[in-house]
């Protein structure tokens, strides 16, 4: 079941990877923190990655379809 979380005025549904933990994508975090784009979150993480354990972050592989119903793969 997806739960909507509210941070300030923003509502976000956390990413569900099936482990019962609360996960956010870098795009979601950029919205919550009111950054211009998701690459800002990636840069902050990369500058400070020594402060995170492997259990605190991860990369997911996504399969999406575009408007022409073609498959597209993203990390």
PDB file of N, CA and C in Angstrom:
ATOM      1  N   UNK A   1       0.838  -1.170   0.000  1.00  0.00           N
ATOM      2  CA  UNK A   1       0.000   0.000   0.000  1.00  0.00           C
ATOM      3  C   UNK A   1       0.886   1.239   0.000  1.00  0.00           C
ATOM      4  N   UNK A   2       0.552   2.207  -0.835  1.00  0.00           N
ATOM      5  CA  UNK A   2       1.316   3.447  -0.915  1.00  0.00           C
ATOM      6  C   UNK A   2       0.739   4.482   0.030  1.00  0.00           C
ATOM      7  N   UNK A   3       1.600   5.132   0.776  1.00  0.00           N
ATOM      8  CA  UNK A   3       1.196   6.194   1.686  1.00  0.00           C
ATOM      9  C   UNK A   3       1.709   7.514   1.142  1.00  0.00           C
ATOM     10  N   UNK A   4       0.876   8.529   1.218  1.00  0.00           N
ATOM     11  CA  UNK A   4       1.287   9.864   0.812  1.00  0.00           C
ATOM     12  C   UNK A   4       1.886  10.543   2.027  1.00  0.00           C
ATOM     13  N   UNK A   5       3.090  11.069   1.859  1.00  0.00           N
ATOM     14  CA  UNK A   5       3.752  11.820   2.924  1.00  0.00           C
ATOM     15  C   UNK A   5       3.750  13.293   2.557  1.00  0.00           C
ATOM     16  N   UNK A   6       3.668  14.150   3.556  1.00  0.00           N
ATOM     17  CA  UNK A   6       3.649  15.587   3.319  1.00  0.00           C
ATOM     18  C   UNK A   6       4.864  16.216   3.983  1.00  0.00           C
ATOM     19  N   UNK A   7       5.583  17.026   3.211  1.00  0.00           N
ATOM     20  CA  UNK A   7       6.718  17.796   3.711  1.00  0.00           C
ATOM     21  C   UNK A   7       6.468  19.239   3.309  1.00  0.00           C
ATOM     22  N   UNK A   8       6.294  20.096   4.292  1.00  0.00           N
ATOM     23  CA  UNK A   8       5.873  21.475   4.039  1.00  0.00           C
ATOM     24  C   UNK A   8       4.571  21.435   3.248  1.00  0.00           C
ATOM     25  N   UNK A   9       4.551  21.937   2.029  1.00  0.00           N
ATOM     26  CA  UNK A   9       3.318  21.942   1.235  1.00  0.00           C
ATOM     27  C   UNK A   9       3.310  20.870   0.147  1.00  0.00           C
ATOM     28  N   UNK A  10       4.302  19.999   0.132  1.00  0.00           N
ATOM     29  CA  UNK A  10       4.440  19.008  -0.938  1.00  0.00           C
ATOM     30  C   UNK A  10       3.996  17.621  -0.481  1.00  0.00           C
ATOM     31  N   UNK A  11       3.183  16.979  -1.294  1.00  0.00           N
ATOM     32  CA  UNK A  11       2.763  15.602  -1.049  1.00  0.00           C
ATOM     33  C   UNK A  11       3.535  14.683  -1.983  1.00  0.00           C
ATOM     34  N   UNK A  12       4.106  13.620  -1.424  1.00  0.00           N
ATOM     35  CA  UNK A  12       4.926  12.684  -2.197  1.00  0.00           C
ATOM     36  C   UNK A  12       4.571  11.261  -1.784  1.00  0.00           C
ATOM     37  N   UNK A  13       4.492  10.372  -2.769  1.00  0.00           N
ATOM     38  CA  UNK A  13       4.353   8.940  -2.495  1.00  0.00           C
ATOM     39  C   UNK A  13       5.760   8.354  -2.573  1.00  0.00           C
ATOM     40  N   UNK A  14       6.286   7.815  -1.472  1.00  0.00           N
ATOM     41  CA  UNK A  14       7.633   7.248  -1.502  1.00  0.00           C
ATOM     42  C   UNK A  14       7.745   6.104  -2.500  1.00  0.00           C
ATOM     43  N   UNK A  15       8.964   5.872  -2.971  1.00  0.00           N
ATOM     44  CA  UNK A  15       9.264   4.765  -3.875  1.00  0.00           C
ATOM     45  C   UNK A  15       9.162   3.460  -3.087  1.00  0.00           C
ATOM     46  N   UNK A  16       8.464   2.487  -3.620  1.00  0.00           N
ATOM     47  CA  UNK A  16       8.294   1.207  -2.938  1.00  0.00           C
ATOM     48  C   UNK A  16       9.179   0.161  -3.603  1.00  0.00           C
ATOM     49  N   UNK A  17      10.240  -0.245  -2.903  1.00  0.00           N
ATOM     50  CA  UNK A  17      11.084  -1.296  -3.466  1.00  0.00           C
ATOM     51  C   UNK A  17      10.835  -2.634  -2.785  1.00  0.00           C
ATOM     52  N   UNK A  18       9.768  -2.702  -1.987  1.00  0.00           N
ATOM     53  CA  UNK A  18       9.354  -3.969  -1.412  1.00  0.00           C
ATOM     54  C   UNK A  18      10.005  -4.351  -0.099  1.00  0.00           C
ATOM     55  N   UNK A  19      10.831  -3.480   0.480  1.00  0.00           N
ATOM     56  CA  UNK A  19      11.493  -3.841   1.733  1.00  0.00           C
ATOM     57  C   UNK A  19      10.846  -3.202   2.959  1.00  0.00           C
ATOM     58  N   UNK A  20       9.755  -2.468   2.762  1.00  0.00           N
ATOM     59  CA  UNK A  20       9.059  -1.851   3.877  1.00  0.00           C
ATOM     60  C   UNK A  20       9.672  -0.549   4.370  1.00  0.00           C
ATOM     61  N   UNK A  21      10.753  -0.097   3.757  1.00  0.00           N
ATOM     62  CA  UNK A  21      11.403   1.151   4.155  1.00  0.00           C
ATOM     63  C   UNK A  21      10.879   2.301   3.295  1.00  0.00           C
ATOM     64  N   UNK A  22      11.082   3.509   3.767  1.00  0.00           N
ATOM     65  CA  UNK A  22      10.676   4.691   3.014  1.00  0.00           C
ATOM     66  C   UNK A  22      11.840   5.123   2.137  1.00  0.00           C
ATOM     67  N   UNK A  23      11.613   5.153   0.819  1.00  0.00           N
ATOM     68  CA  UNK A  23      12.625   5.540  -0.156  1.00  0.00           C
ATOM     69  C   UNK A  23      12.094   6.691  -1.001  1.00  0.00           C
ATOM     70  N   UNK A  24      12.981   7.603  -1.386  1.00  0.00           N
ATOM     71  CA  UNK A  24      12.634   8.694  -2.285  1.00  0.00           C
ATOM     72  C   UNK A  24      13.590   8.683  -3.458  1.00  0.00           C
ATOM     73  N   UNK A  25      13.082   9.034  -4.621  1.00  0.00           N
ATOM     74  CA  UNK A  25      13.967   9.202  -5.775  1.00  0.00           C
ATOM     75  C   UNK A  25      14.614  10.580  -5.676  1.00  0.00           C
ATOM     76  N   UNK A  26      15.684  10.784  -6.430  1.00  0.00           N
ATOM     77  CA  UNK A  26      16.313  12.107  -6.398  1.00  0.00           C
ATOM     78  C   UNK A  26      15.360  13.161  -6.964  1.00  0.00           C
ATOM     79  N   UNK A  27      14.489  12.783  -7.886  1.00  0.00           N
ATOM     80  CA  UNK A  27      13.503  13.727  -8.408  1.00  0.00           C
ATOM     81  C   UNK A  27      12.513  14.128  -7.313  1.00  0.00           C
ATOM     82  N   UNK A  28      12.040  13.154  -6.545  1.00  0.00           N
ATOM     83  CA  UNK A  28      11.130  13.469  -5.442  1.00  0.00           C
ATOM     84  C   UNK A  28      11.802  14.374  -4.411  1.00  0.00           C
ATOM     85  N   UNK A  29      13.051  14.070  -4.065  1.00  0.00           N
ATOM     86  CA  UNK A  29      13.763  14.906  -3.094  1.00  0.00           C
ATOM     87  C   UNK A  29      13.955  16.323  -3.609  1.00  0.00           C
ATOM     88  N   UNK A  30      14.221  16.468  -4.899  1.00  0.00           N
ATOM     89  CA  UNK A  30      14.394  17.818  -5.447  1.00  0.00           C
ATOM     90  C   UNK A  30      13.093  18.608  -5.350  1.00  0.00           C
ATOM     91  N   UNK A  31      11.959  17.954  -5.516  1.00  0.00           N
ATOM     92  CA  UNK A  31      10.664  18.625  -5.367  1.00  0.00           C
ATOM     93  C   UNK A  31      10.439  19.007  -3.909  1.00  0.00           C
ATOM     94  N   UNK A  32      10.673  18.059  -2.993  1.00  0.00           N
ATOM     95  CA  UNK A  32      10.464  18.325  -1.572  1.00  0.00           C
ATOM     96  C   UNK A  32      11.333  19.471  -1.066  1.00  0.00           C
ATOM     97  N   UNK A  33      12.582  19.496  -1.510  1.00  0.00           N
ATOM     98  CA  UNK A  33      13.531  20.509  -1.038  1.00  0.00           C
ATOM     99  C   UNK A  33      13.542  21.760  -1.905  1.00  0.00           C
ATOM    100  N   UNK A  34      12.676  21.769  -2.931  1.00  0.00           N
ATOM    101  CA  UNK A  34      12.509  22.908  -3.831  1.00  0.00           C
ATOM    102  C   UNK A  34      13.795  23.279  -4.572  1.00  0.00           C
ATOM    103  N   UNK A  35      14.503  22.239  -5.037  1.00  0.00           N
ATOM    104  CA  UNK A  35      15.668  22.438  -5.883  1.00  0.00           C
ATOM    105  C   UNK A  35      15.206  22.515  -7.323  1.00  0.00           C
ATOM    106  N   UNK A  36      16.009  23.135  -8.154  1.00  0.00           N
ATOM    107  CA  UNK A  36      15.625  23.344  -9.551  1.00  0.00           C
ATOM    108  C   UNK A  36      15.449  22.022 -10.306  1.00  0.00           C
ATOM    109  N   UNK A  37      16.358  21.074 -10.097  1.00  0.00           N
ATOM    110  CA  UNK A  37      16.239  19.784 -10.787  1.00  0.00           C
ATOM    111  C   UNK A  37      16.898  18.684  -9.974  1.00  0.00           C
ATOM    112  N   UNK A  38      16.655  17.450 -10.402  1.00  0.00           N
ATOM    113  CA  UNK A  38      17.134  16.275  -9.672  1.00  0.00           C
ATOM    114  C   UNK A  38      18.649  16.152  -9.671  1.00  0.00           C
ATOM    115  N   UNK A  39      19.318  16.731 -10.650  1.00  0.00           N
ATOM    116  CA  UNK A  39      20.778  16.623 -10.691  1.00  0.00           C
ATOM    117  C   UNK A  39      21.424  17.314  -9.484  1.00  0.00           C
ATOM    118  N   UNK A  40      20.737  18.282  -8.895  1.00  0.00           N
ATOM    119  CA  UNK A  40      21.250  18.930  -7.680  1.00  0.00           C
ATOM    120  C   UNK A  40      21.351  17.922  -6.541  1.00  0.00           C
ATOM    121  N   UNK A  41      20.356  17.067  -6.412  1.00  0.00           N
ATOM    122  CA  UNK A  41      20.368  16.044  -5.367  1.00  0.00           C
ATOM    123  C   UNK A  41      21.494  15.053  -5.621  1.00  0.00           C
ATOM    124  N   UNK A  42      21.677  14.669  -6.864  1.00  0.00           N
ATOM    125  CA  UNK A  42      22.757  13.742  -7.213  1.00  0.00           C
ATOM    126  C   UNK A  42      24.116  14.340  -6.865  1.00  0.00           C
ATOM    127  N   UNK A  43      24.319  15.612  -7.171  1.00  0.00           N
ATOM    128  CA  UNK A  43      25.598  16.270  -6.851  1.00  0.00           C
ATOM    129  C   UNK A  43      25.825  16.341  -5.340  1.00  0.00           C
ATOM    130  N   UNK A  44      24.782  16.669  -4.590  1.00  0.00           N
ATOM    131  CA  UNK A  44      24.915  16.719  -3.123  1.00  0.00           C
ATOM    132  C   UNK A  44      25.273  15.341  -2.588  1.00  0.00           C
ATOM    133  N   UNK A  45      24.584  14.314  -3.079  1.00  0.00           N
ATOM    134  CA  UNK A  45      24.885  12.956  -2.634  1.00  0.00           C
ATOM    135  C   UNK A  45      26.324  12.581  -2.970  1.00  0.00           C
ATOM    136  N   UNK A  46      26.748  12.832  -4.196  1.00  0.00           N
ATOM    137  CA  UNK A  46      28.102  12.454  -4.607  1.00  0.00           C
ATOM    138  C   UNK A  46      29.171  13.170  -3.789  1.00  0.00           C
ATOM    139  N   UNK A  47      28.922  14.413  -3.410  1.00  0.00           N
ATOM    140  CA  UNK A  47      29.883  15.147  -2.576  1.00  0.00           C
ATOM    141  C   UNK A  47      29.966  14.588  -1.163  1.00  0.00           C
ATOM    142  N   UNK A  48      28.894  13.946  -0.707  1.00  0.00           N
ATOM    143  CA  UNK A  48      28.817  13.495   0.681  1.00  0.00           C
ATOM    144  C   UNK A  48      28.585  11.999   0.819  1.00  0.00           C
ATOM    145  N   UNK A  49      28.873  11.221  -0.218  1.00  0.00           N
ATOM    146  CA  UNK A  49      28.521   9.803  -0.192  1.00  0.00           C
ATOM    147  C   UNK A  49      29.232   9.017   0.899  1.00  0.00           C
ATOM    148  N   UNK A  50      30.344   9.542   1.412  1.00  0.00           N
ATOM    149  CA  UNK A  50      31.029   8.859   2.506  1.00  0.00           C
ATOM    150  C   UNK A  50      30.215   8.892   3.804  1.00  0.00           C
ATOM    151  N   UNK A  51      29.188   9.720   3.864  1.00  0.00           N
ATOM    152  CA  UNK A  51      28.333   9.815   5.051  1.00  0.00           C
ATOM    153  C   UNK A  51      27.146   8.851   4.984  1.00  0.00           C
ATOM    154  N   UNK A  52      26.993   8.118   3.877  1.00  0.00           N
ATOM    155  CA  UNK A  52      25.868   7.207   3.693  1.00  0.00           C
ATOM    156  C   UNK A  52      26.360   5.769   3.660  1.00  0.00           C
ATOM    157  N   UNK A  53      25.563   4.870   4.232  1.00  0.00           N
ATOM    158  CA  UNK A  53      25.875   3.449   4.122  1.00  0.00           C
ATOM    159  C   UNK A  53      25.218   2.915   2.851  1.00  0.00           C
ATOM    160  N   UNK A  54      25.591   1.703   2.455  1.00  0.00           N
ATOM    161  CA  UNK A  54      24.979   1.091   1.272  1.00  0.00           C
ATOM    162  C   UNK A  54      23.480   0.885   1.444  1.00  0.00           C
ATOM    163  N   UNK A  55      23.028   0.719   2.698  1.00  0.00           N
ATOM    164  CA  UNK A  55      21.613   0.516   2.965  1.00  0.00           C
ATOM    165  C   UNK A  55      20.806   1.815   2.866  1.00  0.00           C
ATOM    166  N   UNK A  56      21.474   2.956   2.795  1.00  0.00           N
ATOM    167  CA  UNK A  56      20.788   4.253   2.776  1.00  0.00           C
ATOM    168  C   UNK A  56      20.567   4.782   1.365  1.00  0.00           C
ATOM    169  N   UNK A  57      21.124   4.135   0.379  1.00  0.00           N
ATOM    170  CA  UNK A  57      20.953   4.602  -0.994  1.00  0.00           C
ATOM    171  C   UNK A  57      21.023   3.398  -1.933  1.00  0.00           C
ATOM    172  N   UNK A  58      20.572   3.620  -3.153  1.00  0.00           N
ATOM    173  CA  UNK A  58      20.620   2.551  -4.139  1.00  0.00           C
ATOM    174  C   UNK A  58      20.282   3.075  -5.510  1.00  0.00           C
ATOM    175  N   UNK A  59      20.592   2.282  -6.502  1.00  0.00           N
ATOM    176  CA  UNK A  59      20.256   2.607  -7.882  1.00  0.00           C
ATOM    177  C   UNK A  59      19.274   1.567  -8.377  1.00  0.00           C
ATOM    178  N   UNK A  60      18.218   2.038  -8.990  1.00  0.00           N
ATOM    179  CA  UNK A  60      17.220   1.118  -9.538  1.00  0.00           C
ATOM    180  C   UNK A  60      17.227   1.216 -11.052  1.00  0.00           C
ATOM    181  N   UNK A  61      16.912   0.135 -11.702  1.00  0.00           N
ATOM    182  CA  UNK A  61      16.765   0.107 -13.152  1.00  0.00           C
ATOM    183  C   UNK A  61      15.273   0.116 -13.468  1.00  0.00           C
ATOM    184  N   UNK A  62      14.844   1.092 -14.247  1.00  0.00           N
ATOM    185  CA  UNK A  62      13.436   1.242 -14.581  1.00  0.00           C
ATOM    186  C   UNK A  62      13.214   1.005 -16.069  1.00  0.00           C
ATOM    187  N   UNK A  63      12.082   0.435 -16.384  1.00  0.00           N
ATOM    188  CA  UNK A  63      11.657   0.298 -17.773  1.00  0.00           C
ATOM    189  C   UNK A  63      10.408   1.149 -17.934  1.00  0.00           C
ATOM    190  N   UNK A  64      10.445   2.069 -18.882  1.00  0.00           N
ATOM    191  CA  UNK A  64       9.319   2.956 -19.142  1.00  0.00           C
ATOM    192  C   UNK A  64       8.932   2.855 -20.609  1.00  0.00           C
ATOM    193  N   UNK A  65       7.722   3.279 -20.904  1.00  0.00           N
ATOM    194  CA  UNK A  65       7.327   3.396 -22.304  1.00  0.00           C
ATOM    195  C   UNK A  65       7.154   4.878 -22.624  1.00  0.00           C
ATOM    196  N   UNK A  66       7.575   5.257 -23.809  1.00  0.00           N
ATOM    197  CA  UNK A  66       7.403   6.652 -24.217  1.00  0.00           C
ATOM    198  C   UNK A  66       6.055   6.808 -24.909  1.00  0.00           C
ATOM    199  N   UNK A  67       5.793   7.997 -25.455  1.00  0.00           N
ATOM    200  CA  UNK A  67       4.482   8.246 -26.066  1.00  0.00           C
ATOM    201  C   UNK A  67       4.226   7.390 -27.303  1.00  0.00           C
ATOM    202  N   UNK A  68       5.268   6.792 -27.868  1.00  0.00           N
ATOM    203  CA  UNK A  68       5.110   5.888 -29.020  1.00  0.00           C
ATOM    204  C   UNK A  68       5.083   4.421 -28.601  1.00  0.00           C
ATOM    205  N   UNK A  69       4.898   4.186 -27.295  1.00  0.00           N
ATOM    206  CA  UNK A  69       4.891   2.842 -26.708  1.00  0.00           C
ATOM    207  C   UNK A  69       6.183   2.078 -26.925  1.00  0.00           C
ATOM    208  N   UNK A  70       7.292   2.783 -27.064  1.00  0.00           N
ATOM    209  CA  UNK A  70       8.603   2.154 -27.170  1.00  0.00           C
ATOM    210  C   UNK A  70       9.204   2.057 -25.766  1.00  0.00           C
ATOM    211  N   UNK A  71       9.881   0.951 -25.504  1.00  0.00           N
ATOM    212  CA  UNK A  71      10.511   0.763 -24.195  1.00  0.00           C
ATOM    213  C   UNK A  71      11.748   1.649 -24.056  1.00  0.00           C
ATOM    214  N   UNK A  72      11.915   2.161 -22.868  1.00  0.00           N
ATOM    215  CA  UNK A  72      13.064   2.998 -22.554  1.00  0.00           C
ATOM    216  C   UNK A  72      13.592   2.559 -21.194  1.00  0.00           C
ATOM    217  N   UNK A  73      14.891   2.421 -21.066  1.00  0.00           N
ATOM    218  CA  UNK A  73      15.505   1.948 -19.829  1.00  0.00           C
ATOM    219  C   UNK A  73      16.238   3.109 -19.155  1.00  0.00           C
ATOM    220  N   UNK A  74      15.999   3.248 -17.853  1.00  0.00           N
ATOM    221  CA  UNK A  74      16.611   4.331 -17.091  1.00  0.00           C
ATOM    222  C   UNK A  74      17.197   3.782 -15.808  1.00  0.00           C
ATOM    223  N   UNK A  75      18.222   4.463 -15.285  1.00  0.00           N
ATOM    224  CA  UNK A  75      18.755   4.169 -13.945  1.00  0.00           C
ATOM    225  C   UNK A  75      18.312   5.254 -13.025  1.00  0.00           C
TER     226      UNK A  75
END
